[in-house]
Amino acid sequence: MNRVNMREARRRLSEIVKDAERGQTTVITRRGRQVARVEPVGSAEGRVLPDLAEFRSTIQVKGKPLSQMVIAQRKESRY
């Protein structure tokens, strides 16, 4: 995996894309922190996002629905 800063990435973009076509990943940094990654398209296809259904079922909402609260606040602020 290559690392390049933002200025170098702008200057060498076509080379970085060619590297990605060959299967190599390049990380672009700004002030030493990773901000982007250029990688072959096939490497991202195999990733699966986690199922959040179980997590969502644990969330408990208290009080009125937000839509009702917004409508009530609007009515109060008008008068």
C-alpha atoms as a PDB file:
ATOM      1  CA  MET A   1       0.000   0.000   0.000  1.00  0.00           C
ATOM      2  CA  ASN A   2       1.371   3.373  -1.038  1.00  0.00           C
ATOM      3  CA  ARG A   3       0.912   6.599   0.912  1.00  0.00           C
ATOM      4  CA  VAL A   4       0.936   9.993  -0.768  1.00  0.00           C
ATOM      5  CA  ASN A   5       0.037  13.459   0.437  1.00  0.00           C
ATOM      6  CA  MET A   6      -2.688  15.536  -1.219  1.00  0.00           C
ATOM      7  CA  ARG A   7      -0.342  17.633  -3.333  1.00  0.00           C
ATOM      8  CA  GLU A   8       1.464  14.582  -4.683  1.00  0.00           C
ATOM      9  CA  ALA A   9      -1.864  12.834  -5.346  1.00  0.00           C
ATOM     10  CA  ARG A  10      -3.045  15.734  -7.500  1.00  0.00           C
ATOM     11  CA  ARG A  11       0.180  15.675  -9.453  1.00  0.00           C
ATOM     12  CA  ARG A  12       0.251  11.878  -9.906  1.00  0.00           C
ATOM     13  CA  LEU A  13      -3.461  11.036 -10.190  1.00  0.00           C
ATOM     14  CA  SER A  14      -3.204   9.128 -13.466  1.00  0.00           C
ATOM     15  CA  GLU A  15      -0.321   7.057 -12.069  1.00  0.00           C
ATOM     16  CA  ILE A  16      -2.294   6.307  -8.888  1.00  0.00           C
ATOM     17  CA  VAL A  17      -5.280   5.155 -10.961  1.00  0.00           C
ATOM     18  CA  LYS A  18      -3.027   2.917 -13.057  1.00  0.00           C
ATOM     19  CA  ASP A  19      -1.667   1.401  -9.839  1.00  0.00           C
ATOM     20  CA  ALA A  20      -5.251   0.700  -8.734  1.00  0.00           C
ATOM     21  CA  GLU A  21      -5.915  -1.041 -12.051  1.00  0.00           C
ATOM     22  CA  ARG A  22      -2.931  -3.267 -11.288  1.00  0.00           C
ATOM     23  CA  GLY A  23      -4.404  -4.145  -7.884  1.00  0.00           C
ATOM     24  CA  GLN A  24      -2.463  -1.766  -5.660  1.00  0.00           C
ATOM     25  CA  THR A  25      -4.082   0.429  -2.994  1.00  0.00           C
ATOM     26  CA  THR A  26      -2.965   4.017  -2.379  1.00  0.00           C
ATOM     27  CA  VAL A  27      -3.824   6.030   0.728  1.00  0.00           C
ATOM     28  CA  ILE A  28      -4.014   9.814   0.383  1.00  0.00           C
ATOM     29  CA  THR A  29      -3.090  11.840   3.450  1.00  0.00           C
ATOM     30  CA  ARG A  30      -3.576  15.444   4.515  1.00  0.00           C
ATOM     31  CA  ARG A  31      -1.275  16.705   7.273  1.00  0.00           C
ATOM     32  CA  GLY A  32      -0.344  13.110   8.062  1.00  0.00           C
ATOM     33  CA  ARG A  33      -3.929  11.866   8.509  1.00  0.00           C
ATOM     34  CA  GLN A  34      -5.604   9.445   6.123  1.00  0.00           C
ATOM     35  CA  VAL A  35      -8.384  11.154   4.173  1.00  0.00           C
ATOM     36  CA  ALA A  36      -8.973   8.915   1.135  1.00  0.00           C
ATOM     37  CA  ARG A  37      -8.144   5.556  -0.331  1.00  0.00           C
ATOM     38  CA  VAL A  38      -7.823   4.654  -4.018  1.00  0.00           C
ATOM     39  CA  GLU A  39      -8.186   0.918  -4.450  1.00  0.00           C
ATOM     40  CA  PRO A  40      -9.220  -1.536  -7.134  1.00  0.00           C
ATOM     41  CA  VAL A  41     -12.972  -1.714  -7.659  1.00  0.00           C
ATOM     42  CA  GLY A  42     -13.121  -5.450  -7.006  1.00  0.00           C
ATOM     43  CA  SER A  43     -11.699  -5.107  -3.489  1.00  0.00           C
ATOM     44  CA  ALA A  44     -14.728  -3.118  -2.279  1.00  0.00           C
ATOM     45  CA  GLU A  45     -17.336  -5.434  -3.814  1.00  0.00           C
ATOM     46  CA  GLY A  46     -16.752  -8.249  -1.337  1.00  0.00           C
ATOM     47  CA  ARG A  47     -17.435  -6.128   1.722  1.00  0.00           C
ATOM     48  CA  VAL A  48     -20.741  -6.730   3.446  1.00  0.00           C
ATOM     49  CA  LEU A  49     -22.329  -4.189   5.732  1.00  0.00           C
ATOM     50  CA  PRO A  50     -23.443  -5.502   9.132  1.00  0.00           C
ATOM     51  CA  ASP A  51     -27.118  -6.218   9.752  1.00  0.00           C
ATOM     52  CA  LEU A  52     -28.440  -3.583  12.153  1.00  0.00           C
ATOM     53  CA  ALA A  53     -31.888  -5.103  12.733  1.00  0.00           C
ATOM     54  CA  GLU A  54     -30.958  -6.461  16.174  1.00  0.00           C
ATOM     55  CA  PHE A  55     -29.437  -3.134  17.216  1.00  0.00           C
ATOM     56  CA  ARG A  56     -32.497  -1.207  16.029  1.00  0.00           C
ATOM     57  CA  SER A  57     -34.808  -3.464  18.014  1.00  0.00           C
ATOM     58  CA  THR A  58     -32.992  -2.492  21.244  1.00  0.00           C
ATOM     59  CA  ILE A  59     -33.639   1.248  20.772  1.00  0.00           C
ATOM     60  CA  GLN A  60     -36.542   2.454  22.880  1.00  0.00           C
ATOM     61  CA  VAL A  61     -38.161   5.790  22.109  1.00  0.00           C
ATOM     62  CA  LYS A  62     -39.763   7.765  24.931  1.00  0.00           C
ATOM     63  CA  GLY A  63     -42.240  10.590  24.617  1.00  0.00           C
ATOM     64  CA  LYS A  64     -44.112  11.975  21.641  1.00  0.00           C
ATOM     65  CA  PRO A  65     -42.993  11.408  18.073  1.00  0.00           C
ATOM     66  CA  LEU A  66     -40.640  14.111  16.833  1.00  0.00           C
ATOM     67  CA  SER A  67     -43.088  15.234  14.147  1.00  0.00           C
ATOM     68  CA  GLN A  68     -45.696  16.073  16.781  1.00  0.00           C
ATOM     69  CA  MET A  69     -43.138  17.968  18.864  1.00  0.00           C
ATOM     70  CA  VAL A  70     -42.075  20.064  15.870  1.00  0.00           C
ATOM     71  CA  ILE A  71     -45.683  20.924  15.001  1.00  0.00           C
ATOM     72  CA  ALA A  72     -46.357  21.945  18.622  1.00  0.00           C
ATOM     73  CA  GLN A  73     -43.224  24.139  18.730  1.00  0.00           C
ATOM     74  CA  ARG A  74     -44.233  25.870  15.497  1.00  0.00           C
ATOM     75  CA  LYS A  75     -47.713  26.609  16.838  1.00  0.00           C
ATOM     76  CA  GLU A  76     -46.284  28.020  20.084  1.00  0.00           C
ATOM     77  CA  SER A  77     -43.783  30.279  18.324  1.00  0.00           C
ATOM     78  CA  ARG A  78     -46.456  31.808  16.051  1.00  0.00           C
ATOM     79  CA  TYR A  79     -48.595  33.181  18.880  1.00  0.00           C
END
